[in-house]
Amino acid sequence: MLFFFGFLIAIMVVQHRLPRVIRWIIGGISFLLIATVSISRVYLGVHWLMDFIGCYLVGFILLSGYLYFYFKNFRPEGRPGGAS
């Protein structure tokens, strides 16, 4: 969940084709889902606190690696980084 919605937030930051209001709404909803779903899972007793802390760490590591290679190879306009 963190990986998908984190990637969606990153795309909304660099996406300039959409209106600013739409980007803020999508980014805000994504952030709220990341924050509230994990807290609710601990509150309801479905997961332990260390479960979602570990998942956050793994998710951030995977997301940062994916974003590194994504933005290294593609520009925000959609053209490959190596193309002239």
PDB file of N, CA and C in Angstrom:
ATOM      1  N   MET A   1       0.822  -1.182   0.000  1.00  0.00           N
ATOM      2  CA  MET A   1       0.000   0.000   0.000  1.00  0.00           C
ATOM      3  C   MET A   1       0.870   1.251   0.000  1.00  0.00           C
ATOM      4  N   LEU A   2       1.891   1.262   0.825  1.00  0.00           N
ATOM      5  CA  LEU A   2       2.780   2.415   0.860  1.00  0.00           C
ATOM      6  C   LEU A   2       3.486   2.587  -0.479  1.00  0.00           C
ATOM      7  N   PHE A   3       3.861   1.490  -1.096  1.00  0.00           N
ATOM      8  CA  PHE A   3       4.561   1.559  -2.370  1.00  0.00           C
ATOM      9  C   PHE A   3       3.669   2.182  -3.443  1.00  0.00           C
ATOM     10  N   PHE A   4       2.442   1.709  -3.574  1.00  0.00           N
ATOM     11  CA  PHE A   4       1.540   2.215  -4.611  1.00  0.00           C
ATOM     12  C   PHE A   4       1.164   3.667  -4.376  1.00  0.00           C
ATOM     13  N   PHE A   5       0.680   3.975  -3.178  1.00  0.00           N
ATOM     14  CA  PHE A   5       0.236   5.341  -2.912  1.00  0.00           C
ATOM     15  C   PHE A   5       1.410   6.306  -2.789  1.00  0.00           C
ATOM     16  N   GLY A   6       2.566   5.831  -2.345  1.00  0.00           N
ATOM     17  CA  GLY A   6       3.762   6.673  -2.336  1.00  0.00           C
ATOM     18  C   GLY A   6       4.206   7.025  -3.741  1.00  0.00           C
ATOM     19  N   PHE A   7       4.136   6.058  -4.639  1.00  0.00           N
ATOM     20  CA  PHE A   7       4.467   6.328  -6.037  1.00  0.00           C
ATOM     21  C   PHE A   7       3.457   7.292  -6.645  1.00  0.00           C
ATOM     22  N   LEU A   8       2.203   7.151  -6.290  1.00  0.00           N
ATOM     23  CA  LEU A   8       1.170   8.064  -6.779  1.00  0.00           C
ATOM     24  C   LEU A   8       1.427   9.491  -6.289  1.00  0.00           C
ATOM     25  N   ILE A   9       1.850   9.646  -5.053  1.00  0.00           N
ATOM     26  CA  ILE A   9       2.192  10.974  -4.527  1.00  0.00           C
ATOM     27  C   ILE A   9       3.374  11.551  -5.294  1.00  0.00           C
ATOM     28  N   ALA A  10       4.402  10.740  -5.543  1.00  0.00           N
ATOM     29  CA  ALA A  10       5.581  11.225  -6.273  1.00  0.00           C
ATOM     30  C   ALA A  10       5.215  11.656  -7.685  1.00  0.00           C
ATOM     31  N   ILE A  11       4.341  10.913  -8.347  1.00  0.00           N
ATOM     32  CA  ILE A  11       3.925  11.283  -9.694  1.00  0.00           C
ATOM     33  C   ILE A  11       3.123  12.583  -9.665  1.00  0.00           C
ATOM     34  N   MET A  12       2.300  12.771  -8.662  1.00  0.00           N
ATOM     35  CA  MET A  12       1.510  14.004  -8.562  1.00  0.00           C
ATOM     36  C   MET A  12       2.405  15.223  -8.309  1.00  0.00           C
ATOM     37  N   VAL A  13       3.547  15.021  -7.683  1.00  0.00           N
ATOM     38  CA  VAL A  13       4.473  16.133  -7.439  1.00  0.00           C
ATOM     39  C   VAL A  13       5.085  16.620  -8.749  1.00  0.00           C
ATOM     40  N   VAL A  14       5.438  15.702  -9.634  1.00  0.00           N
ATOM     41  CA  VAL A  14       6.118  16.099 -10.873  1.00  0.00           C
ATOM     42  C   VAL A  14       5.168  16.247 -12.054  1.00  0.00           C
ATOM     43  N   GLN A  15       3.928  15.799 -11.921  1.00  0.00           N
ATOM     44  CA  GLN A  15       2.958  15.887 -13.014  1.00  0.00           C
ATOM     45  C   GLN A  15       2.430  17.316 -13.124  1.00  0.00           C
ATOM     46  N   HIS A  16       2.596  17.921 -14.292  1.00  0.00           N
ATOM     47  CA  HIS A  16       2.141  19.293 -14.454  1.00  0.00           C
ATOM     48  C   HIS A  16       1.048  19.413 -15.507  1.00  0.00           C
ATOM     49  N   ARG A  17       0.584  18.296 -16.040  1.00  0.00           N
ATOM     50  CA  ARG A  17      -0.506  18.338 -17.017  1.00  0.00           C
ATOM     51  C   ARG A  17      -1.860  18.469 -16.334  1.00  0.00           C
ATOM     52  N   LEU A  18      -1.961  17.946 -15.129  1.00  0.00           N
ATOM     53  CA  LEU A  18      -3.206  18.035 -14.377  1.00  0.00           C
ATOM     54  C   LEU A  18      -3.283  19.366 -13.640  1.00  0.00           C
ATOM     55  N   PRO A  19      -4.482  19.867 -13.385  1.00  0.00           N
ATOM     56  CA  PRO A  19      -4.613  21.089 -12.579  1.00  0.00           C
ATOM     57  C   PRO A  19      -4.082  20.870 -11.161  1.00  0.00           C
ATOM     58  N   ARG A  20      -3.596  21.940 -10.567  1.00  0.00           N
ATOM     59  CA  ARG A  20      -2.982  21.862  -9.237  1.00  0.00           C
ATOM     60  C   ARG A  20      -3.959  21.324  -8.192  1.00  0.00           C
ATOM     61  N   VAL A  21      -5.218  21.700  -8.284  1.00  0.00           N
ATOM     62  CA  VAL A  21      -6.214  21.247  -7.307  1.00  0.00           C
ATOM     63  C   VAL A  21      -6.372  19.730  -7.367  1.00  0.00           C
ATOM     64  N   ILE A  22      -6.421  19.183  -8.558  1.00  0.00           N
ATOM     65  CA  ILE A  22      -6.559  17.731  -8.718  1.00  0.00           C
ATOM     66  C   ILE A  22      -5.337  17.020  -8.152  1.00  0.00           C
ATOM     67  N   ARG A  23      -4.142  17.564  -8.416  1.00  0.00           N
ATOM     68  CA  ARG A  23      -2.920  16.943  -7.890  1.00  0.00           C
ATOM     69  C   ARG A  23      -2.905  16.972  -6.371  1.00  0.00           C
ATOM     70  N   TRP A  24      -3.342  18.078  -5.754  1.00  0.00           N
ATOM     71  CA  TRP A  24      -3.393  18.176  -4.297  1.00  0.00           C
ATOM     72  C   TRP A  24      -4.414  17.203  -3.711  1.00  0.00           C
ATOM     73  N   ILE A  25      -5.549  17.062  -4.367  1.00  0.00           N
ATOM     74  CA  ILE A  25      -6.579  16.147  -3.866  1.00  0.00           C
ATOM     75  C   ILE A  25      -6.085  14.699  -3.932  1.00  0.00           C
ATOM     76  N   ILE A  26      -5.534  14.293  -5.059  1.00  0.00           N
ATOM     77  CA  ILE A  26      -5.045  12.916  -5.203  1.00  0.00           C
ATOM     78  C   ILE A  26      -3.896  12.652  -4.237  1.00  0.00           C
ATOM     79  N   GLY A  27      -2.956  13.594  -4.131  1.00  0.00           N
ATOM     80  CA  GLY A  27      -1.842  13.429  -3.202  1.00  0.00           C
ATOM     81  C   GLY A  27      -2.294  13.393  -1.753  1.00  0.00           C
ATOM     82  N   GLY A  28      -3.248  14.249  -1.398  1.00  0.00           N
ATOM     83  CA  GLY A  28      -3.757  14.275  -0.024  1.00  0.00           C
ATOM     84  C   GLY A  28      -4.491  13.010   0.361  1.00  0.00           C
ATOM     85  N   ILE A  29      -5.337  12.526  -0.542  1.00  0.00           N
ATOM     86  CA  ILE A  29      -6.060  11.284  -0.268  1.00  0.00           C
ATOM     87  C   ILE A  29      -5.088  10.119  -0.151  1.00  0.00           C
ATOM     88  N   SER A  30      -4.076  10.091  -1.005  1.00  0.00           N
ATOM     89  CA  SER A  30      -3.078   9.025  -0.932  1.00  0.00           C
ATOM     90  C   SER A  30      -2.326   9.058   0.392  1.00  0.00           C
ATOM     91  N   PHE A  31      -1.935  10.259   0.826  1.00  0.00           N
ATOM     92  CA  PHE A  31      -1.237  10.394   2.104  1.00  0.00           C
ATOM     93  C   PHE A  31      -2.133   9.966   3.265  1.00  0.00           C
ATOM     94  N   LEU A  32      -3.394  10.378   3.242  1.00  0.00           N
ATOM     95  CA  LEU A  32      -4.313   9.987   4.310  1.00  0.00           C
ATOM     96  C   LEU A  32      -4.527   8.476   4.351  1.00  0.00           C
ATOM     97  N   LEU A  33      -4.595   7.846   3.195  1.00  0.00           N
ATOM     98  CA  LEU A  33      -4.744   6.393   3.172  1.00  0.00           C
ATOM     99  C   LEU A  33      -3.524   5.692   3.750  1.00  0.00           C
ATOM    100  N   ILE A  34      -2.343   6.180   3.417  1.00  0.00           N
ATOM    101  CA  ILE A  34      -1.124   5.583   3.965  1.00  0.00           C
ATOM    102  C   ILE A  34      -1.109   5.713   5.488  1.00  0.00           C
ATOM    103  N   ALA A  35      -1.457   6.894   5.979  1.00  0.00           N
ATOM    104  CA  ALA A  35      -1.383   7.143   7.421  1.00  0.00           C
ATOM    105  C   ALA A  35      -2.496   6.443   8.203  1.00  0.00           C
ATOM    106  N   THR A  36      -3.717   6.529   7.729  1.00  0.00           N
ATOM    107  CA  THR A  36      -4.836   6.054   8.545  1.00  0.00           C
ATOM    108  C   THR A  36      -5.079   4.551   8.470  1.00  0.00           C
ATOM    109  N   VAL A  37      -4.831   3.937   7.343  1.00  0.00           N
ATOM    110  CA  VAL A  37      -5.094   2.496   7.235  1.00  0.00           C
ATOM    111  C   VAL A  37      -4.156   1.709   8.141  1.00  0.00           C
ATOM    112  N   SER A  38      -2.892   2.070   8.160  1.00  0.00           N
ATOM    113  CA  SER A  38      -1.955   1.337   9.014  1.00  0.00           C
ATOM    114  C   SER A  38      -2.272   1.541  10.496  1.00  0.00           C
ATOM    115  N   ILE A  39      -2.641   2.751  10.877  1.00  0.00           N
ATOM    116  CA  ILE A  39      -2.999   3.010  12.276  1.00  0.00           C
ATOM    117  C   ILE A  39      -4.272   2.261  12.650  1.00  0.00           C
ATOM    118  N   SER A  40      -5.238   2.216  11.739  1.00  0.00           N
ATOM    119  CA  SER A  40      -6.483   1.514  12.042  1.00  0.00           C
ATOM    120  C   SER A  40      -6.256   0.009  12.184  1.00  0.00           C
ATOM    121  N   ARG A  41      -5.318  -0.556  11.418  1.00  0.00           N
ATOM    122  CA  ARG A  41      -5.037  -1.984  11.520  1.00  0.00           C
ATOM    123  C   ARG A  41      -4.455  -2.337  12.889  1.00  0.00           C
ATOM    124  N   VAL A  42      -3.632  -1.464  13.433  1.00  0.00           N
ATOM    125  CA  VAL A  42      -3.084  -1.694  14.776  1.00  0.00           C
ATOM    126  C   VAL A  42      -4.184  -1.491  15.815  1.00  0.00           C
ATOM    127  N   TYR A  43      -4.994  -0.467  15.629  1.00  0.00           N
ATOM    128  CA  TYR A  43      -6.078  -0.178  16.575  1.00  0.00           C
ATOM    129  C   TYR A  43      -7.079  -1.328  16.650  1.00  0.00           C
ATOM    130  N   LEU A  44      -7.396  -1.916  15.508  1.00  0.00           N
ATOM    131  CA  LEU A  44      -8.352  -3.020  15.475  1.00  0.00           C
ATOM    132  C   LEU A  44      -7.746  -4.344  15.932  1.00  0.00           C
ATOM    133  N   GLY A  45      -6.430  -4.385  16.128  1.00  0.00           N
ATOM    134  CA  GLY A  45      -5.775  -5.586  16.614  1.00  0.00           C
ATOM    135  C   GLY A  45      -5.463  -6.604  15.531  1.00  0.00           C
ATOM    136  N   VAL A  46      -5.544  -6.210  14.280  1.00  0.00           N
ATOM    137  CA  VAL A  46      -5.259  -7.125  13.180  1.00  0.00           C
ATOM    138  C   VAL A  46      -3.750  -7.298  13.012  1.00  0.00           C
ATOM    139  N   HIS A  47      -2.986  -6.239  13.265  1.00  0.00           N
ATOM    140  CA  HIS A  47      -1.529  -6.285  13.158  1.00  0.00           C
ATOM    141  C   HIS A  47      -0.909  -5.699  14.425  1.00  0.00           C
ATOM    142  N   TRP A  48       0.335  -6.080  14.654  1.00  0.00           N
ATOM    143  CA  TRP A  48       1.100  -5.504  15.751  1.00  0.00           C
ATOM    144  C   TRP A  48       1.756  -4.202  15.280  1.00  0.00           C
ATOM    145  N   LEU A  49       2.191  -3.398  16.215  1.00  0.00           N
ATOM    146  CA  LEU A  49       2.851  -2.134  15.890  1.00  0.00           C
ATOM    147  C   LEU A  49       4.113  -2.379  15.063  1.00  0.00           C
ATOM    148  N   MET A  50       4.873  -3.395  15.417  1.00  0.00           N
ATOM    149  CA  MET A  50       6.102  -3.692  14.680  1.00  0.00           C
ATOM    150  C   MET A  50       5.824  -4.170  13.255  1.00  0.00           C
ATOM    151  N   ASP A  51       4.645  -4.714  13.005  1.00  0.00           N
ATOM    152  CA  ASP A  51       4.290  -5.133  11.642  1.00  0.00           C
ATOM    153  C   ASP A  51       4.284  -3.937  10.705  1.00  0.00           C
ATOM    154  N   PHE A  52       3.591  -2.888  11.098  1.00  0.00           N
ATOM    155  CA  PHE A  52       3.517  -1.776  10.167  1.00  0.00           C
ATOM    156  C   PHE A  52       4.768  -0.917  10.182  1.00  0.00           C
ATOM    157  N   ILE A  53       5.543  -0.932  11.255  1.00  0.00           N
ATOM    158  CA  ILE A  53       6.833  -0.236  11.230  1.00  0.00           C
ATOM    159  C   ILE A  53       7.782  -0.945  10.259  1.00  0.00           C
ATOM    160  N   GLY A  54       7.803  -2.270  10.317  1.00  0.00           N
ATOM    161  CA  GLY A  54       8.623  -3.033   9.380  1.00  0.00           C
ATOM    162  C   GLY A  54       8.164  -2.865   7.942  1.00  0.00           C
ATOM    163  N   CYS A  55       6.860  -2.843   7.741  1.00  0.00           N
ATOM    164  CA  CYS A  55       6.338  -2.649   6.381  1.00  0.00           C
ATOM    165  C   CYS A  55       6.638  -1.250   5.866  1.00  0.00           C
ATOM    166  N   TYR A  56       6.601  -0.253   6.742  1.00  0.00           N
ATOM    167  CA  TYR A  56       6.986   1.102   6.329  1.00  0.00           C
ATOM    168  C   TYR A  56       8.455   1.133   5.899  1.00  0.00           C
ATOM    169  N   LEU A  57       9.319   0.489   6.659  1.00  0.00           N
ATOM    170  CA  LEU A  57      10.736   0.474   6.301  1.00  0.00           C
ATOM    171  C   LEU A  57      10.967  -0.222   4.965  1.00  0.00           C
ATOM    172  N   VAL A  58      10.383  -1.388   4.789  1.00  0.00           N
ATOM    173  CA  VAL A  58      10.533  -2.109   3.527  1.00  0.00           C
ATOM    174  C   VAL A  58       9.907  -1.319   2.385  1.00  0.00           C
ATOM    175  N   GLY A  59       8.740  -0.734   2.619  1.00  0.00           N
ATOM    176  CA  GLY A  59       8.069   0.052   1.588  1.00  0.00           C
ATOM    177  C   GLY A  59       8.866   1.266   1.165  1.00  0.00           C
ATOM    178  N   PHE A  60       9.440   1.983   2.131  1.00  0.00           N
ATOM    179  CA  PHE A  60      10.254   3.156   1.799  1.00  0.00           C
ATOM    180  C   PHE A  60      11.521   2.770   1.042  1.00  0.00           C
ATOM    181  N   ILE A  61      12.129   1.655   1.429  1.00  0.00           N
ATOM    182  CA  ILE A  61      13.335   1.202   0.721  1.00  0.00           C
ATOM    183  C   ILE A  61      12.991   0.834  -0.717  1.00  0.00           C
ATOM    184  N   LEU A  62      11.936   0.061  -0.913  1.00  0.00           N
ATOM    185  CA  LEU A  62      11.532  -0.319  -2.263  1.00  0.00           C
ATOM    186  C   LEU A  62      11.094   0.896  -3.084  1.00  0.00           C
ATOM    187  N   LEU A  63      10.320   1.788  -2.466  1.00  0.00           N
ATOM    188  CA  LEU A  63       9.837   2.968  -3.174  1.00  0.00           C
ATOM    189  C   LEU A  63      10.974   3.890  -3.561  1.00  0.00           C
ATOM    190  N   SER A  64      11.931   4.097  -2.667  1.00  0.00           N
ATOM    191  CA  SER A  64      13.047   4.986  -3.006  1.00  0.00           C
ATOM    192  C   SER A  64      13.897   4.404  -4.128  1.00  0.00           C
ATOM    193  N   GLY A  65      14.129   3.091  -4.111  1.00  0.00           N
ATOM    194  CA  GLY A  65      14.866   2.468  -5.211  1.00  0.00           C
ATOM    195  C   GLY A  65      14.111   2.554  -6.521  1.00  0.00           C
ATOM    196  N   TYR A  66      12.811   2.305  -6.480  1.00  0.00           N
ATOM    197  CA  TYR A  66      12.000   2.372  -7.694  1.00  0.00           C
ATOM    198  C   TYR A  66      11.950   3.800  -8.233  1.00  0.00           C
ATOM    199  N   LEU A  67      11.761   4.779  -7.359  1.00  0.00           N
ATOM    200  CA  LEU A  67      11.709   6.173  -7.806  1.00  0.00           C
ATOM    201  C   LEU A  67      13.050   6.627  -8.360  1.00  0.00           C
ATOM    202  N   TYR A  68      14.144   6.143  -7.790  1.00  0.00           N
ATOM    203  CA  TYR A  68      15.463   6.491  -8.305  1.00  0.00           C
ATOM    204  C   TYR A  68      15.600   6.052  -9.756  1.00  0.00           C
ATOM    205  N   PHE A  69      15.289   4.786 -10.026  1.00  0.00           N
ATOM    206  CA  PHE A  69      15.418   4.285 -11.394  1.00  0.00           C
ATOM    207  C   PHE A  69      14.352   4.855 -12.322  1.00  0.00           C
ATOM    208  N   TYR A  70      13.167   5.116 -11.803  1.00  0.00           N
ATOM    209  CA  TYR A  70      12.099   5.683 -12.632  1.00  0.00           C
ATOM    210  C   TYR A  70      12.481   7.082 -13.100  1.00  0.00           C
ATOM    211  N   PHE A  71      12.910   7.943 -12.192  1.00  0.00           N
ATOM    212  CA  PHE A  71      13.242   9.313 -12.569  1.00  0.00           C
ATOM    213  C   PHE A  71      14.607   9.423 -13.238  1.00  0.00           C
ATOM    214  N   LYS A  72      15.451   8.425 -13.056  1.00  0.00           N
ATOM    215  CA  LYS A  72      16.729   8.425 -13.755  1.00  0.00           C
ATOM    216  C   LYS A  72      16.527   8.121 -15.236  1.00  0.00           C
ATOM    217  N   ASN A  73      15.589   7.249 -15.554  1.00  0.00           N
ATOM    218  CA  ASN A  73      15.375   6.821 -16.929  1.00  0.00           C
ATOM    219  C   ASN A  73      14.284   7.590 -17.661  1.00  0.00           C
ATOM    220  N   PHE A  74      13.413   8.269 -16.944  1.00  0.00           N
ATOM    221  CA  PHE A  74      12.320   8.985 -17.585  1.00  0.00           C
ATOM    222  C   PHE A  74      12.210  10.392 -17.036  1.00  0.00           C
ATOM    223  N   ARG A  75      12.030  11.323 -17.931  1.00  0.00           N
ATOM    224  CA  ARG A  75      11.779  12.698 -17.520  1.00  0.00           C
ATOM    225  C   ARG A  75      10.301  12.850 -17.226  1.00  0.00           C
ATOM    226  N   PRO A  76       9.902  13.852 -16.435  1.00  0.00           N
ATOM    227  CA  PRO A  76       8.488  14.038 -16.132  1.00  0.00           C
ATOM    228  C   PRO A  76       7.601  14.257 -17.361  1.00  0.00           C
ATOM    229  N   GLU A  77       8.192  14.724 -18.480  1.00  0.00           N
ATOM    230  CA  GLU A  77       7.397  14.935 -19.681  1.00  0.00           C
ATOM    231  C   GLU A  77       7.046  13.622 -20.360  1.00  0.00           C
ATOM    232  N   GLY A  78       7.682  12.526 -19.939  1.00  0.00           N
ATOM    233  CA  GLY A  78       7.395  11.234 -20.519  1.00  0.00           C
ATOM    234  C   GLY A  78       8.410  10.772 -21.539  1.00  0.00           C
ATOM    235  N   ARG A  79       9.403  11.598 -21.854  1.00  0.00           N
ATOM    236  CA  ARG A  79      10.441  11.183 -22.796  1.00  0.00           C
ATOM    237  C   ARG A  79      11.541  10.455 -22.053  1.00  0.00           C
ATOM    238  N   PRO A  80      12.124   9.433 -22.649  1.00  0.00           N
ATOM    239  CA  PRO A  80      13.233   8.746 -21.985  1.00  0.00           C
ATOM    240  C   PRO A  80      14.389   9.707 -21.716  1.00  0.00           C
ATOM    241  N   GLY A  81      15.094   9.476 -20.607  1.00  0.00           N
ATOM    242  CA  GLY A  81      16.185  10.377 -20.219  1.00  0.00           C
ATOM    243  C   GLY A  81      17.361  10.389 -21.178  1.00  0.00           C
ATOM    244  N   GLY A  82      17.588   9.284 -21.863  1.00  0.00           N
ATOM    245  CA  GLY A  82      18.721   9.210 -22.770  1.00  0.00           C
ATOM    246  C   GLY A  82      18.459   9.761 -24.153  1.00  0.00           C
ATOM    247  N   ALA A  83      17.216  10.012 -24.498  1.00  0.00           N
ATOM    248  CA  ALA A  83      16.887  10.480 -25.852  1.00  0.00           C
ATOM    249  C   ALA A  83      17.168  11.967 -25.992  1.00  0.00           C
ATOM    250  N   SER A  84      17.597  12.356 -27.171  1.00  0.00           N
ATOM    251  CA  SER A  84      17.894  13.766 -27.427  1.00  0.00           C
ATOM    252  C   SER A  84      16.740  14.428 -28.117  1.00  0.00           C
TER     253      SER A  84
END
